[in-house]
Amino acid sequence: MDESQVIDALGALAQETRLRILRFLVTKGSDGASAGEIGEAVDAASSRASFHLSTLANAGLVTAERKSRHIIYRVNFDAMGSMIGYLINDCCGNHQDVIACCPTPDKC
């Protein structure tokens, strides 16, 4: 990820419902979830969840796949990892205090 992509991703996450959606989708793994299921899990109407999912998708943090009448949303784990890697390695310059927060510092 480059700086502008990280800014877009962090901007998308700087909202309570979108952060909750991402956290929920992480638990769903590769199965993903529909907007209705996501909305129910984060206490948002499915139309409101769709709005937030669009923002997350535009930032590259989630993907959407049509399955018959539903759209299944999944976390883009590669993008999340790239964002976190950028913050740790590029932004923080591998600062030892930041790396010490990682459970396995050699993998940050």
C-alpha atoms as a PDB file:
ATOM      1  CA  MET A   1       0.000   0.000   0.000  1.00  0.00           C
ATOM      2  CA  ASP A   2       1.114   3.515  -0.650  1.00  0.00           C
ATOM      3  CA  GLU A   3       0.430   6.503   1.550  1.00  0.00           C
ATOM      4  CA  SER A   4      -2.813   7.553  -0.158  1.00  0.00           C
ATOM      5  CA  GLN A   5      -4.243   4.018   0.062  1.00  0.00           C
ATOM      6  CA  VAL A   6      -3.411   3.846   3.772  1.00  0.00           C
ATOM      7  CA  ILE A   7      -5.066   7.215   4.323  1.00  0.00           C
ATOM      8  CA  ASP A   8      -8.203   5.962   2.537  1.00  0.00           C
ATOM      9  CA  ALA A   9      -8.221   2.750   4.595  1.00  0.00           C
ATOM     10  CA  LEU A  10      -7.719   4.547   7.906  1.00  0.00           C
ATOM     11  CA  GLY A  11     -10.360   7.097   6.958  1.00  0.00           C
ATOM     12  CA  ALA A  12     -12.822   4.288   6.269  1.00  0.00           C
ATOM     13  CA  LEU A  13     -12.071   2.756   9.661  1.00  0.00           C
ATOM     14  CA  ALA A  14     -12.443   6.070  11.492  1.00  0.00           C
ATOM     15  CA  GLN A  15     -16.166   5.488  11.967  1.00  0.00           C
ATOM     16  CA  GLU A  16     -17.754   3.330  14.638  1.00  0.00           C
ATOM     17  CA  THR A  17     -20.106   1.261  12.464  1.00  0.00           C
ATOM     18  CA  ARG A  18     -17.487   0.576   9.803  1.00  0.00           C
ATOM     19  CA  LEU A  19     -14.987  -0.555  12.418  1.00  0.00           C
ATOM     20  CA  ARG A  20     -17.626  -2.874  13.899  1.00  0.00           C
ATOM     21  CA  ILE A  21     -18.390  -4.239  10.425  1.00  0.00           C
ATOM     22  CA  LEU A  22     -14.740  -4.989   9.758  1.00  0.00           C
ATOM     23  CA  ARG A  23     -14.338  -6.670  13.139  1.00  0.00           C
ATOM     24  CA  PHE A  24     -17.434  -8.802  12.458  1.00  0.00           C
ATOM     25  CA  LEU A  25     -16.268  -9.771   8.978  1.00  0.00           C
ATOM     26  CA  VAL A  26     -12.906 -10.860  10.357  1.00  0.00           C
ATOM     27  CA  THR A  27     -14.772 -13.411  12.483  1.00  0.00           C
ATOM     28  CA  LYS A  28     -16.610 -14.668   9.383  1.00  0.00           C
ATOM     29  CA  GLY A  29     -13.356 -15.393   7.550  1.00  0.00           C
ATOM     30  CA  SER A  30     -13.609 -16.626   3.967  1.00  0.00           C
ATOM     31  CA  ASP A  31     -17.337 -17.376   4.342  1.00  0.00           C
ATOM     32  CA  GLY A  32     -18.164 -13.687   4.570  1.00  0.00           C
ATOM     33  CA  ALA A  33     -21.670 -12.402   5.213  1.00  0.00           C
ATOM     34  CA  SER A  34     -24.553 -10.621   3.505  1.00  0.00           C
ATOM     35  CA  ALA A  35     -25.423  -6.990   4.224  1.00  0.00           C
ATOM     36  CA  GLY A  36     -28.484  -8.133   6.189  1.00  0.00           C
ATOM     37  CA  GLU A  37     -26.444 -10.444   8.398  1.00  0.00           C
ATOM     38  CA  ILE A  38     -23.805  -7.767   8.875  1.00  0.00           C
ATOM     39  CA  GLY A  39     -26.408  -5.136   9.700  1.00  0.00           C
ATOM     40  CA  GLU A  40     -27.981  -7.405  12.285  1.00  0.00           C
ATOM     41  CA  ALA A  41     -24.601  -8.149  13.866  1.00  0.00           C
ATOM     42  CA  VAL A  42     -23.633  -4.481  14.181  1.00  0.00           C
ATOM     43  CA  ASP A  43     -27.137  -3.173  14.934  1.00  0.00           C
ATOM     44  CA  ALA A  44     -27.588  -1.248  11.679  1.00  0.00           C
ATOM     45  CA  ALA A  45     -30.323  -1.441   9.058  1.00  0.00           C
ATOM     46  CA  SER A  46     -29.181  -3.410   6.019  1.00  0.00           C
ATOM     47  CA  SER A  47     -29.379  -0.265   3.846  1.00  0.00           C
ATOM     48  CA  ARG A  48     -27.143   1.561   6.322  1.00  0.00           C
ATOM     49  CA  ALA A  49     -24.788  -1.425   6.449  1.00  0.00           C
ATOM     50  CA  SER A  50     -24.639  -1.389   2.630  1.00  0.00           C
ATOM     51  CA  PHE A  51     -23.637   2.280   2.712  1.00  0.00           C
ATOM     52  CA  HIS A  52     -20.798   1.552   5.135  1.00  0.00           C
ATOM     53  CA  LEU A  53     -19.768  -1.581   3.232  1.00  0.00           C
ATOM     54  CA  SER A  54     -19.446   0.511   0.086  1.00  0.00           C
ATOM     55  CA  THR A  55     -17.043   2.841   1.877  1.00  0.00           C
ATOM     56  CA  LEU A  56     -14.985  -0.111   3.129  1.00  0.00           C
ATOM     57  CA  ALA A  57     -14.961  -1.645  -0.351  1.00  0.00           C
ATOM     58  CA  ASN A  58     -13.860   1.642  -1.940  1.00  0.00           C
ATOM     59  CA  ALA A  59     -10.981   1.722   0.540  1.00  0.00           C
ATOM     60  CA  GLY A  60     -10.055  -1.830  -0.496  1.00  0.00           C
ATOM     61  CA  LEU A  61     -10.698  -3.345   2.937  1.00  0.00           C
ATOM     62  CA  VAL A  62     -13.601  -5.584   1.914  1.00  0.00           C
ATOM     63  CA  THR A  63     -14.582  -7.425  -1.244  1.00  0.00           C
ATOM     64  CA  ALA A  64     -18.065  -8.111  -2.556  1.00  0.00           C
ATOM     65  CA  GLU A  65     -19.223 -11.157  -4.492  1.00  0.00           C
ATOM     66  CA  ARG A  66     -22.714 -11.671  -5.880  1.00  0.00           C
ATOM     67  CA  LYS A  67     -24.249 -15.057  -4.995  1.00  0.00           C
ATOM     68  CA  SER A  68     -27.683 -15.332  -6.591  1.00  0.00           C
ATOM     69  CA  ARG A  69     -29.739 -12.530  -5.006  1.00  0.00           C
ATOM     70  CA  HIS A  70     -27.251 -11.690  -2.259  1.00  0.00           C
ATOM     71  CA  ILE A  71     -23.932  -9.930  -2.149  1.00  0.00           C
ATOM     72  CA  ILE A  72     -21.428 -11.598   0.155  1.00  0.00           C
ATOM     73  CA  TYR A  73     -18.867  -9.319   1.754  1.00  0.00           C
ATOM     74  CA  ARG A  74     -15.463 -10.515   2.965  1.00  0.00           C
ATOM     75  CA  VAL A  75     -12.467  -8.868   4.559  1.00  0.00           C
ATOM     76  CA  ASN A  76      -9.573  -8.292   2.199  1.00  0.00           C
ATOM     77  CA  PHE A  77      -6.922  -9.673   4.554  1.00  0.00           C
ATOM     78  CA  ASP A  78      -4.117  -8.796   2.148  1.00  0.00           C
ATOM     79  CA  ALA A  79      -5.139  -5.141   2.224  1.00  0.00           C
ATOM     80  CA  MET A  80      -5.454  -5.165   6.012  1.00  0.00           C
ATOM     81  CA  GLY A  81      -2.009  -6.706   6.340  1.00  0.00           C
ATOM     82  CA  SER A  82      -0.548  -4.179   3.915  1.00  0.00           C
ATOM     83  CA  MET A  83      -2.087  -1.316   5.874  1.00  0.00           C
ATOM     84  CA  ILE A  84      -0.735  -2.613   9.176  1.00  0.00           C
ATOM     85  CA  GLY A  85       2.643  -3.353   7.601  1.00  0.00           C
ATOM     86  CA  TYR A  86       2.794   0.179   6.231  1.00  0.00           C
ATOM     87  CA  LEU A  87       2.048   1.634   9.655  1.00  0.00           C
ATOM     88  CA  ILE A  88       4.647  -0.488  11.403  1.00  0.00           C
ATOM     89  CA  ASN A  89       7.415  -0.534   8.824  1.00  0.00           C
ATOM     90  CA  ASP A  90       7.054   2.611   6.737  1.00  0.00           C
ATOM     91  CA  CYS A  91       5.308   5.048   9.036  1.00  0.00           C
ATOM     92  CA  CYS A  92       6.918   4.013  12.318  1.00  0.00           C
ATOM     93  CA  GLY A  93      10.262   3.071  10.783  1.00  0.00           C
ATOM     94  CA  ASN A  94      10.385  -0.282  12.580  1.00  0.00           C
ATOM     95  CA  HIS A  95      10.615   1.574  15.888  1.00  0.00           C
ATOM     96  CA  GLN A  96      11.343  -0.993  18.591  1.00  0.00           C
ATOM     97  CA  ASP A  97       8.600   0.259  20.932  1.00  0.00           C
ATOM     98  CA  VAL A  98       6.006  -0.235  18.191  1.00  0.00           C
ATOM     99  CA  ILE A  99       7.324  -3.638  17.168  1.00  0.00           C
ATOM    100  CA  ALA A 100       7.347  -4.717  20.828  1.00  0.00           C
ATOM    101  CA  CYS A 101       3.531  -4.477  20.759  1.00  0.00           C
ATOM    102  CA  CYS A 102       3.356  -7.305  18.210  1.00  0.00           C
ATOM    103  CA  PRO A 103       2.835 -10.815  19.613  1.00  0.00           C
ATOM    104  CA  THR A 104       5.625 -12.042  17.321  1.00  0.00           C
ATOM    105  CA  PRO A 105       7.821  -9.011  16.633  1.00  0.00           C
ATOM    106  CA  ASP A 106       9.839 -10.755  13.920  1.00  0.00           C
ATOM    107  CA  LYS A 107       6.622 -11.053  11.851  1.00  0.00           C
ATOM    108  CA  CYS A 108       5.657  -7.351  11.969  1.00  0.00           C
END
